[in-house]
Amino acid sequence: MVNDDEYRGPAVLTFGRARHPVEIRMSAHFEPTEGRMRWAGRTAPDPLLLRETTSGLREAELSIEGSPPAGVRLSEPDPWGGIRLTGTGTPPWFR
């Protein structure tokens, strides 16, 4: 599902030499005091990302088919094994 404010579906996280397919749920909003978009969401539970973030992975590139890639920050896993993703600027699902 894609609309201006949110995206649910497939994506690819690139970190190091790895290109790792993931399922994500993301939303975006405009921050008027900063004058830019902020977006955040999380991946579905993923054993590889859980292992990588537990080992210190914090930066990656998020790609969604048909849109340019965007830098993304990875946070600690949630209790179900999903990884929180945050970014600023144009959300990677905007075309």
PDB file of N, CA and C in Angstrom:
ATOM      1  N   MET A   1       0.838  -1.179   0.000  1.00  0.00           N
ATOM      2  CA  MET A   1       0.000   0.000   0.000  1.00  0.00           C
ATOM      3  C   MET A   1       0.881   1.240   0.000  1.00  0.00           C
ATOM      4  N   VAL A   2       0.582   2.177  -0.875  1.00  0.00           N
ATOM      5  CA  VAL A   2       1.341   3.423  -0.941  1.00  0.00           C
ATOM      6  C   VAL A   2       0.362   4.581  -0.990  1.00  0.00           C
ATOM      7  N   ASN A   3       0.592   5.590  -0.167  1.00  0.00           N
ATOM      8  CA  ASN A   3      -0.039   6.889  -0.328  1.00  0.00           C
ATOM      9  C   ASN A   3       0.984   7.911   0.121  1.00  0.00           C
ATOM     10  N   ASP A   4       0.620   9.183   0.122  1.00  0.00           N
ATOM     11  CA  ASP A   4       1.610  10.203   0.459  1.00  0.00           C
ATOM     12  C   ASP A   4       2.168  10.070   1.865  1.00  0.00           C
ATOM     13  N   ASP A   5       1.347   9.618   2.812  1.00  0.00           N
ATOM     14  CA  ASP A   5       1.761   9.601   4.204  1.00  0.00           C
ATOM     15  C   ASP A   5       2.304   8.272   4.699  1.00  0.00           C
ATOM     16  N   GLU A   6       2.025   7.190   3.997  1.00  0.00           N
ATOM     17  CA  GLU A   6       2.493   5.901   4.502  1.00  0.00           C
ATOM     18  C   GLU A   6       2.776   4.899   3.395  1.00  0.00           C
ATOM     19  N   TYR A   7       3.521   3.884   3.789  1.00  0.00           N
ATOM     20  CA  TYR A   7       3.873   2.798   2.869  1.00  0.00           C
ATOM     21  C   TYR A   7       3.916   1.499   3.663  1.00  0.00           C
ATOM     22  N   ARG A   8       3.355   0.462   3.098  1.00  0.00           N
ATOM     23  CA  ARG A   8       3.452  -0.895   3.633  1.00  0.00           C
ATOM     24  C   ARG A   8       3.785  -1.808   2.476  1.00  0.00           C
ATOM     25  N   GLY A   9       4.864  -2.562   2.630  1.00  0.00           N
ATOM     26  CA  GLY A   9       5.204  -3.477   1.558  1.00  0.00           C
ATOM     27  C   GLY A   9       6.673  -3.815   1.516  1.00  0.00           C
ATOM     28  N   PRO A  10       7.116  -4.332   0.372  1.00  0.00           N
ATOM     29  CA  PRO A  10       8.501  -4.785   0.236  1.00  0.00           C
ATOM     30  C   PRO A  10       9.480  -3.624   0.061  1.00  0.00           C
ATOM     31  N   ALA A  11      10.687  -3.845   0.514  1.00  0.00           N
ATOM     32  CA  ALA A  11      11.781  -2.883   0.366  1.00  0.00           C
ATOM     33  C   ALA A  11      13.088  -3.661   0.436  1.00  0.00           C
ATOM     34  N   VAL A  12      14.178  -2.962   0.201  1.00  0.00           N
ATOM     35  CA  VAL A  12      15.508  -3.567   0.319  1.00  0.00           C
ATOM     36  C   VAL A  12      16.363  -2.669   1.190  1.00  0.00           C
ATOM     37  N   LEU A  13      17.011  -3.262   2.191  1.00  0.00           N
ATOM     38  CA  LEU A  13      17.995  -2.551   3.004  1.00  0.00           C
ATOM     39  C   LEU A  13      19.372  -2.950   2.513  1.00  0.00           C
ATOM     40  N   THR A  14      20.215  -1.961   2.249  1.00  0.00           N
ATOM     41  CA  THR A  14      21.581  -2.212   1.816  1.00  0.00           C
ATOM     42  C   THR A  14      22.515  -1.747   2.918  1.00  0.00           C
ATOM     43  N   PHE A  15      23.379  -2.655   3.370  1.00  0.00           N
ATOM     44  CA  PHE A  15      24.388  -2.327   4.385  1.00  0.00           C
ATOM     45  C   PHE A  15      25.618  -3.172   4.084  1.00  0.00           C
ATOM     46  N   GLY A  16      26.776  -2.503   4.078  1.00  0.00           N
ATOM     47  CA  GLY A  16      27.984  -3.207   3.636  1.00  0.00           C
ATOM     48  C   GLY A  16      27.779  -3.697   2.214  1.00  0.00           C
ATOM     49  N   ARG A  17      28.053  -4.965   1.984  1.00  0.00           N
ATOM     50  CA  ARG A  17      27.830  -5.560   0.656  1.00  0.00           C
ATOM     51  C   ARG A  17      26.479  -6.254   0.548  1.00  0.00           C
ATOM     52  N   ALA A  18      25.736  -6.269   1.649  1.00  0.00           N
ATOM     53  CA  ALA A  18      24.461  -6.995   1.675  1.00  0.00           C
ATOM     54  C   ALA A  18      23.322  -6.143   1.126  1.00  0.00           C
ATOM     55  N   ARG A  19      22.488  -6.786   0.314  1.00  0.00           N
ATOM     56  CA  ARG A  19      21.211  -6.209  -0.124  1.00  0.00           C
ATOM     57  C   ARG A  19      20.157  -7.155   0.417  1.00  0.00           C
ATOM     58  N   HIS A  20      19.452  -6.712   1.446  1.00  0.00           N
ATOM     59  CA  HIS A  20      18.565  -7.605   2.192  1.00  0.00           C
ATOM     60  C   HIS A  20      17.101  -7.208   2.010  1.00  0.00           C
ATOM     61  N   PRO A  21      16.270  -8.076   1.412  1.00  0.00           N
ATOM     62  CA  PRO A  21      14.848  -7.763   1.250  1.00  0.00           C
ATOM     63  C   PRO A  21      14.131  -7.796   2.603  1.00  0.00           C
ATOM     64  N   VAL A  22      13.230  -6.825   2.805  1.00  0.00           N
ATOM     65  CA  VAL A  22      12.461  -6.732   4.041  1.00  0.00           C
ATOM     66  C   VAL A  22      11.025  -6.310   3.727  1.00  0.00           C
ATOM     67  N   GLU A  23      10.148  -6.543   4.668  1.00  0.00           N
ATOM     68  CA  GLU A  23       8.783  -6.006   4.629  1.00  0.00           C
ATOM     69  C   GLU A  23       8.742  -4.888   5.653  1.00  0.00           C
ATOM     70  N   ILE A  24       8.199  -3.728   5.262  1.00  0.00           N
ATOM     71  CA  ILE A  24       8.195  -2.577   6.160  1.00  0.00           C
ATOM     72  C   ILE A  24       6.814  -1.938   6.252  1.00  0.00           C
ATOM     73  N   ARG A  25       6.623  -1.182   7.321  1.00  0.00           N
ATOM     74  CA  ARG A  25       5.468  -0.299   7.517  1.00  0.00           C
ATOM     75  C   ARG A  25       6.044   1.045   7.918  1.00  0.00           C
ATOM     76  N   MET A  26       5.775   2.079   7.134  1.00  0.00           N
ATOM     77  CA  MET A  26       6.373   3.392   7.366  1.00  0.00           C
ATOM     78  C   MET A  26       5.307   4.477   7.263  1.00  0.00           C
ATOM     79  N   SER A  27       5.553   5.590   7.952  1.00  0.00           N
ATOM     80  CA  SER A  27       4.706   6.770   7.796  1.00  0.00           C
ATOM     81  C   SER A  27       5.593   8.008   7.805  1.00  0.00           C
ATOM     82  N   ALA A  28       5.074   9.099   7.255  1.00  0.00           N
ATOM     83  CA  ALA A  28       5.845  10.345   7.139  1.00  0.00           C
ATOM     84  C   ALA A  28       4.981  11.522   7.546  1.00  0.00           C
ATOM     85  N   HIS A  29       5.638  12.565   8.022  1.00  0.00           N
ATOM     86  CA  HIS A  29       4.953  13.820   8.306  1.00  0.00           C
ATOM     87  C   HIS A  29       5.936  14.972   8.131  1.00  0.00           C
ATOM     88  N   PHE A  30       5.377  16.139   7.815  1.00  0.00           N
ATOM     89  CA  PHE A  30       6.186  17.332   7.642  1.00  0.00           C
ATOM     90  C   PHE A  30       6.392  17.990   9.001  1.00  0.00           C
ATOM     91  N   GLU A  31       7.632  18.305   9.342  1.00  0.00           N
ATOM     92  CA  GLU A  31       8.000  19.001  10.575  1.00  0.00           C
ATOM     93  C   GLU A  31       8.171  20.476  10.251  1.00  0.00           C
ATOM     94  N   PRO A  32       7.173  21.319  10.530  1.00  0.00           N
ATOM     95  CA  PRO A  32       7.254  22.723  10.118  1.00  0.00           C
ATOM     96  C   PRO A  32       8.392  23.493  10.783  1.00  0.00           C
ATOM     97  N   THR A  33       8.731  23.193  12.022  1.00  0.00           N
ATOM     98  CA  THR A  33       9.815  23.927  12.673  1.00  0.00           C
ATOM     99  C   THR A  33      11.167  23.590  12.071  1.00  0.00           C
ATOM    100  N   GLU A  34      11.310  22.394  11.516  1.00  0.00           N
ATOM    101  CA  GLU A  34      12.560  21.996  10.867  1.00  0.00           C
ATOM    102  C   GLU A  34      12.528  22.263   9.369  1.00  0.00           C
ATOM    103  N   GLY A  35      11.333  22.385   8.825  1.00  0.00           N
ATOM    104  CA  GLY A  35      11.196  22.609   7.394  1.00  0.00           C
ATOM    105  C   GLY A  35      11.529  21.388   6.553  1.00  0.00           C
ATOM    106  N   ARG A  36      11.293  20.202   7.089  1.00  0.00           N
ATOM    107  CA  ARG A  36      11.583  18.980   6.324  1.00  0.00           C
ATOM    108  C   ARG A  36      10.672  17.842   6.762  1.00  0.00           C
ATOM    109  N   MET A  37      10.689  16.805   5.948  1.00  0.00           N
ATOM    110  CA  MET A  37       9.911  15.605   6.245  1.00  0.00           C
ATOM    111  C   MET A  37      10.689  14.719   7.213  1.00  0.00           C
ATOM    112  N   ARG A  38       9.945  14.076   8.086  1.00  0.00           N
ATOM    113  CA  ARG A  38      10.483  13.022   8.952  1.00  0.00           C
ATOM    114  C   ARG A  38       9.639  11.779   8.696  1.00  0.00           C
ATOM    115  N   TRP A  39      10.280  10.645   8.630  1.00  0.00           N
ATOM    116  CA  TRP A  39       9.563   9.399   8.408  1.00  0.00           C
ATOM    117  C   TRP A  39      10.134   8.316   9.310  1.00  0.00           C
ATOM    118  N   ALA A  40       9.272   7.381   9.672  1.00  0.00           N
ATOM    119  CA  ALA A  40       9.675   6.318  10.590  1.00  0.00           C
ATOM    120  C   ALA A  40       8.746   5.127  10.423  1.00  0.00           C
ATOM    121  N   GLY A  41       9.211   4.010  10.907  1.00  0.00           N
ATOM    122  CA  GLY A  41       8.422   2.783  10.879  1.00  0.00           C
ATOM    123  C   GLY A  41       9.268   1.631  11.359  1.00  0.00           C
ATOM    124  N   ARG A  42       8.909   0.450  10.900  1.00  0.00           N
ATOM    125  CA  ARG A  42       9.673  -0.723  11.324  1.00  0.00           C
ATOM    126  C   ARG A  42       9.584  -1.837  10.295  1.00  0.00           C
ATOM    127  N   THR A  43      10.522  -2.749  10.427  1.00  0.00           N
ATOM    128  CA  THR A  43      10.507  -3.931   9.581  1.00  0.00           C
ATOM    129  C   THR A  43       9.671  -5.005  10.257  1.00  0.00           C
ATOM    130  N   ALA A  44       9.257  -5.972   9.481  1.00  0.00           N
ATOM    131  CA  ALA A  44       8.687  -7.190  10.059  1.00  0.00           C
ATOM    132  C   ALA A  44       9.823  -7.903  10.793  1.00  0.00           C
ATOM    133  N   PRO A  45       9.521  -8.802  11.718  1.00  0.00           N
ATOM    134  CA  PRO A  45      10.591  -9.554  12.385  1.00  0.00           C
ATOM    135  C   PRO A  45      11.535 -10.176  11.364  1.00  0.00           C
ATOM    136  N   ASP A  46      12.830 -10.058  11.628  1.00  0.00           N
ATOM    137  CA  ASP A  46      13.833 -10.505  10.664  1.00  0.00           C
ATOM    138  C   ASP A  46      15.091 -10.959  11.407  1.00  0.00           C
ATOM    139  N   PRO A  47      15.392 -12.252  11.382  1.00  0.00           N
ATOM    140  CA  PRO A  47      16.538 -12.769  12.145  1.00  0.00           C
ATOM    141  C   PRO A  47      17.883 -12.147  11.748  1.00  0.00           C
ATOM    142  N   LEU A  48      18.121 -11.909  10.453  1.00  0.00           N
ATOM    143  CA  LEU A  48      19.392 -11.323  10.029  1.00  0.00           C
ATOM    144  C   LEU A  48      19.527  -9.896  10.553  1.00  0.00           C
ATOM    145  N   LEU A  49      18.492  -9.079  10.400  1.00  0.00           N
ATOM    146  CA  LEU A  49      18.568  -7.707  10.908  1.00  0.00           C
ATOM    147  C   LEU A  49      18.679  -7.676  12.425  1.00  0.00           C
ATOM    148  N   LEU A  50      18.006  -8.586  13.085  1.00  0.00           N
ATOM    149  CA  LEU A  50      18.118  -8.676  14.540  1.00  0.00           C
ATOM    150  C   LEU A  50      19.573  -8.923  14.933  1.00  0.00           C
ATOM    151  N   ARG A  51      20.207  -9.851  14.261  1.00  0.00           N
ATOM    152  CA  ARG A  51      21.623 -10.175  14.525  1.00  0.00           C
ATOM    153  C   ARG A  51      22.522  -8.976  14.213  1.00  0.00           C
ATOM    154  N   GLU A  52      22.284  -8.328  13.075  1.00  0.00           N
ATOM    155  CA  GLU A  52      23.135  -7.203  12.659  1.00  0.00           C
ATOM    156  C   GLU A  52      22.980  -5.992  13.589  1.00  0.00           C
ATOM    157  N   THR A  53      21.749  -5.652  13.958  1.00  0.00           N
ATOM    158  CA  THR A  53      21.562  -4.492  14.832  1.00  0.00           C
ATOM    159  C   THR A  53      22.061  -4.779  16.242  1.00  0.00           C
ATOM    160  N   THR A  54      21.920  -6.004  16.703  1.00  0.00           N
ATOM    161  CA  THR A  54      22.460  -6.378  18.007  1.00  0.00           C
ATOM    162  C   THR A  54      23.981  -6.265  17.997  1.00  0.00           C
ATOM    163  N   SER A  55      24.585  -6.462  16.824  1.00  0.00           N
ATOM    164  CA  SER A  55      26.041  -6.342  16.678  1.00  0.00           C
ATOM    165  C   SER A  55      26.496  -4.915  16.384  1.00  0.00           C
ATOM    166  N   GLY A  56      25.551  -3.956  16.299  1.00  0.00           N
ATOM    167  CA  GLY A  56      25.944  -2.560  16.151  1.00  0.00           C
ATOM    168  C   GLY A  56      25.556  -1.867  14.864  1.00  0.00           C
ATOM    169  N   LEU A  57      24.913  -2.546  13.919  1.00  0.00           N
ATOM    170  CA  LEU A  57      24.494  -1.892  12.679  1.00  0.00           C
ATOM    171  C   LEU A  57      23.503  -0.781  12.996  1.00  0.00           C
ATOM    172  N   ARG A  58      23.765   0.440  12.517  1.00  0.00           N
ATOM    173  CA  ARG A  58      22.874   1.568  12.774  1.00  0.00           C
ATOM    174  C   ARG A  58      22.536   2.380  11.530  1.00  0.00           C
ATOM    175  N   GLU A  59      23.286   2.231  10.445  1.00  0.00           N
ATOM    176  CA  GLU A  59      23.042   2.996   9.220  1.00  0.00           C
ATOM    177  C   GLU A  59      22.894   2.040   8.039  1.00  0.00           C
ATOM    178  N   ALA A  60      21.958   2.353   7.154  1.00  0.00           N
ATOM    179  CA  ALA A  60      21.756   1.562   5.944  1.00  0.00           C
ATOM    180  C   ALA A  60      21.112   2.456   4.895  1.00  0.00           C
ATOM    181  N   GLU A  61      20.844   1.879   3.747  1.00  0.00           N
ATOM    182  CA  GLU A  61      20.143   2.567   2.671  1.00  0.00           C
ATOM    183  C   GLU A  61      18.864   1.783   2.400  1.00  0.00           C
ATOM    184  N   LEU A  62      17.747   2.490   2.329  1.00  0.00           N
ATOM    185  CA  LEU A  62      16.452   1.862   2.101  1.00  0.00           C
ATOM    186  C   LEU A  62      16.001   2.141   0.675  1.00  0.00           C
ATOM    187  N   SER A  63      15.665   1.083  -0.050  1.00  0.00           N
ATOM    188  CA  SER A  63      15.209   1.205  -1.437  1.00  0.00           C
ATOM    189  C   SER A  63      13.828   0.589  -1.574  1.00  0.00           C
ATOM    190  N   ILE A  64      12.972   1.297  -2.292  1.00  0.00           N
ATOM    191  CA  ILE A  64      11.646   0.805  -2.634  1.00  0.00           C
ATOM    192  C   ILE A  64      11.528   0.924  -4.144  1.00  0.00           C
ATOM    193  N   GLU A  65      11.086  -0.139  -4.781  1.00  0.00           N
ATOM    194  CA  GLU A  65      11.040  -0.168  -6.243  1.00  0.00           C
ATOM    195  C   GLU A  65      10.353   1.065  -6.811  1.00  0.00           C
ATOM    196  N   GLY A  66      10.999   1.678  -7.798  1.00  0.00           N
ATOM    197  CA  GLY A  66      10.443   2.831  -8.477  1.00  0.00           C
ATOM    198  C   GLY A  66      10.792   4.173  -7.855  1.00  0.00           C
ATOM    199  N   SER A  67      11.528   4.164  -6.744  1.00  0.00           N
ATOM    200  CA  SER A  67      11.906   5.399  -6.065  1.00  0.00           C
ATOM    201  C   SER A  67      13.400   5.391  -5.769  1.00  0.00           C
ATOM    202  N   PRO A  68      14.005   6.573  -5.647  1.00  0.00           N
ATOM    203  CA  PRO A  68      15.430   6.601  -5.309  1.00  0.00           C
ATOM    204  C   PRO A  68      15.671   6.129  -3.874  1.00  0.00           C
ATOM    205  N   PRO A  69      16.830   5.530  -3.607  1.00  0.00           N
ATOM    206  CA  PRO A  69      17.137   5.072  -2.249  1.00  0.00           C
ATOM    207  C   PRO A  69      17.339   6.246  -1.289  1.00  0.00           C
ATOM    208  N   ALA A  70      17.203   5.958  -0.004  1.00  0.00           N
ATOM    209  CA  ALA A  70      17.373   6.988   1.024  1.00  0.00           C
ATOM    210  C   ALA A  70      18.141   6.391   2.206  1.00  0.00           C
ATOM    211  N   GLY A  71      18.957   7.211   2.825  1.00  0.00           N
ATOM    212  CA  GLY A  71      19.649   6.788   4.028  1.00  0.00           C
ATOM    213  C   GLY A  71      18.652   6.589   5.150  1.00  0.00           C
ATOM    214  N   VAL A  72      18.890   5.580   5.966  1.00  0.00           N
ATOM    215  CA  VAL A  72      17.974   5.256   7.058  1.00  0.00           C
ATOM    216  C   VAL A  72      18.774   4.875   8.298  1.00  0.00           C
ATOM    217  N   ARG A  73      18.242   5.234   9.445  1.00  0.00           N
ATOM    218  CA  ARG A  73      18.851   4.895  10.732  1.00  0.00           C
ATOM    219  C   ARG A  73      18.099   3.701  11.321  1.00  0.00           C
ATOM    220  N   LEU A  74      18.836   2.706  11.797  1.00  0.00           N
ATOM    221  CA  LEU A  74      18.252   1.527  12.411  1.00  0.00           C
ATOM    222  C   LEU A  74      18.422   1.620  13.923  1.00  0.00           C
ATOM    223  N   SER A  75      17.376   1.252  14.660  1.00  0.00           N
ATOM    224  CA  SER A  75      17.413   1.287  16.115  1.00  0.00           C
ATOM    225  C   SER A  75      17.342  -0.129  16.679  1.00  0.00           C
ATOM    226  N   GLU A  76      17.313  -0.190  17.983  1.00  0.00           N
ATOM    227  CA  GLU A  76      17.211  -1.475  18.669  1.00  0.00           C
ATOM    228  C   GLU A  76      15.945  -2.213  18.248  1.00  0.00           C
ATOM    229  N   PRO A  77      15.987  -3.533  18.286  1.00  0.00           N
ATOM    230  CA  PRO A  77      14.802  -4.311  17.912  1.00  0.00           C
ATOM    231  C   PRO A  77      13.674  -4.162  18.928  1.00  0.00           C
ATOM    232  N   ASP A  78      12.439  -4.325  18.433  1.00  0.00           N
ATOM    233  CA  ASP A  78      11.300  -4.352  19.337  1.00  0.00           C
ATOM    234  C   ASP A  78      11.168  -5.768  19.915  1.00  0.00           C
ATOM    235  N   PRO A  79      10.249  -5.989  20.841  1.00  0.00           N
ATOM    236  CA  PRO A  79      10.134  -7.318  21.472  1.00  0.00           C
ATOM    237  C   PRO A  79       9.798  -8.458  20.507  1.00  0.00           C
ATOM    238  N   TRP A  80       9.289  -8.149  19.329  1.00  0.00           N
ATOM    239  CA  TRP A  80       8.901  -9.171  18.363  1.00  0.00           C
ATOM    240  C   TRP A  80       9.970  -9.419  17.300  1.00  0.00           C
ATOM    241  N   GLY A  81      11.088  -8.678  17.348  1.00  0.00           N
ATOM    242  CA  GLY A  81      12.161  -8.878  16.388  1.00  0.00           C
ATOM    243  C   GLY A  81      12.142  -7.936  15.207  1.00  0.00           C
ATOM    244  N   GLY A  82      11.216  -6.971  15.177  1.00  0.00           N
ATOM    245  CA  GLY A  82      11.213  -5.957  14.134  1.00  0.00           C
ATOM    246  C   GLY A  82      12.226  -4.872  14.471  1.00  0.00           C
ATOM    247  N   ILE A  83      12.741  -4.198  13.455  1.00  0.00           N
ATOM    248  CA  ILE A  83      13.742  -3.154  13.649  1.00  0.00           C
ATOM    249  C   ILE A  83      13.130  -1.810  13.292  1.00  0.00           C
ATOM    250  N   ARG A  84      13.272  -0.838  14.177  1.00  0.00           N
ATOM    251  CA  ARG A  84      12.748   0.511  13.928  1.00  0.00           C
ATOM    252  C   ARG A  84      13.659   1.228  12.937  1.00  0.00           C
ATOM    253  N   LEU A  85      13.033   1.909  11.974  1.00  0.00           N
ATOM    254  CA  LEU A  85      13.729   2.665  10.935  1.00  0.00           C
ATOM    255  C   LEU A  85      13.303   4.123  11.020  1.00  0.00           C
ATOM    256  N   THR A  86      14.244   5.050  10.890  1.00  0.00           N
ATOM    257  CA  THR A  86      13.914   6.476  10.870  1.00  0.00           C
ATOM    258  C   THR A  86      14.737   7.179   9.799  1.00  0.00           C
ATOM    259  N   GLY A  87      14.166   8.241   9.258  1.00  0.00           N
ATOM    260  CA  GLY A  87      14.878   9.027   8.268  1.00  0.00           C
ATOM    261  C   GLY A  87      14.309  10.422   8.161  1.00  0.00           C
ATOM    262  N   THR A  88      15.019  11.280   7.450  1.00  0.00           N
ATOM    263  CA  THR A  88      14.567  12.645   7.196  1.00  0.00           C
ATOM    264  C   THR A  88      14.701  12.928   5.710  1.00  0.00           C
ATOM    265  N   GLY A  89      13.967  13.924   5.252  1.00  0.00           N
ATOM    266  CA  GLY A  89      13.996  14.279   3.843  1.00  0.00           C
ATOM    267  C   GLY A  89      12.867  13.578   3.109  1.00  0.00           C
ATOM    268  N   THR A  90      13.007  13.470   1.813  1.00  0.00           N
ATOM    269  CA  THR A  90      11.968  12.836   1.006  1.00  0.00           C
ATOM    270  C   THR A  90      11.863  11.357   1.357  1.00  0.00           C
ATOM    271  N   PRO A  91      10.692  10.883   1.748  1.00  0.00           N
ATOM    272  CA  PRO A  91      10.532   9.461   2.064  1.00  0.00           C
ATOM    273  C   PRO A  91      10.824   8.602   0.829  1.00  0.00           C
ATOM    274  N   PRO A  92      11.408   7.432   1.028  1.00  0.00           N
ATOM    275  CA  PRO A  92      11.816   6.617  -0.115  1.00  0.00           C
ATOM    276  C   PRO A  92      10.663   6.036  -0.926  1.00  0.00           C
ATOM    277  N   TRP A  93       9.431   6.170  -0.485  1.00  0.00           N
ATOM    278  CA  TRP A  93       8.312   5.680  -1.305  1.00  0.00           C
ATOM    279  C   TRP A  93       7.685   6.784  -2.144  1.00  0.00           C
ATOM    280  N   PHE A  94       8.118   8.041  -1.966  1.00  0.00           N
ATOM    281  CA  PHE A  94       7.623   9.127  -2.818  1.00  0.00           C
ATOM    282  C   PHE A  94       8.251   8.958  -4.198  1.00  0.00           C
ATOM    283  N   ARG A  95       7.477   9.145  -5.237  1.00  0.00           N
ATOM    284  CA  ARG A  95       7.990   8.982  -6.603  1.00  0.00           C
ATOM    285  C   ARG A  95       8.111  10.301  -7.281  1.00  0.00           C
TER     286      ARG A  95
END
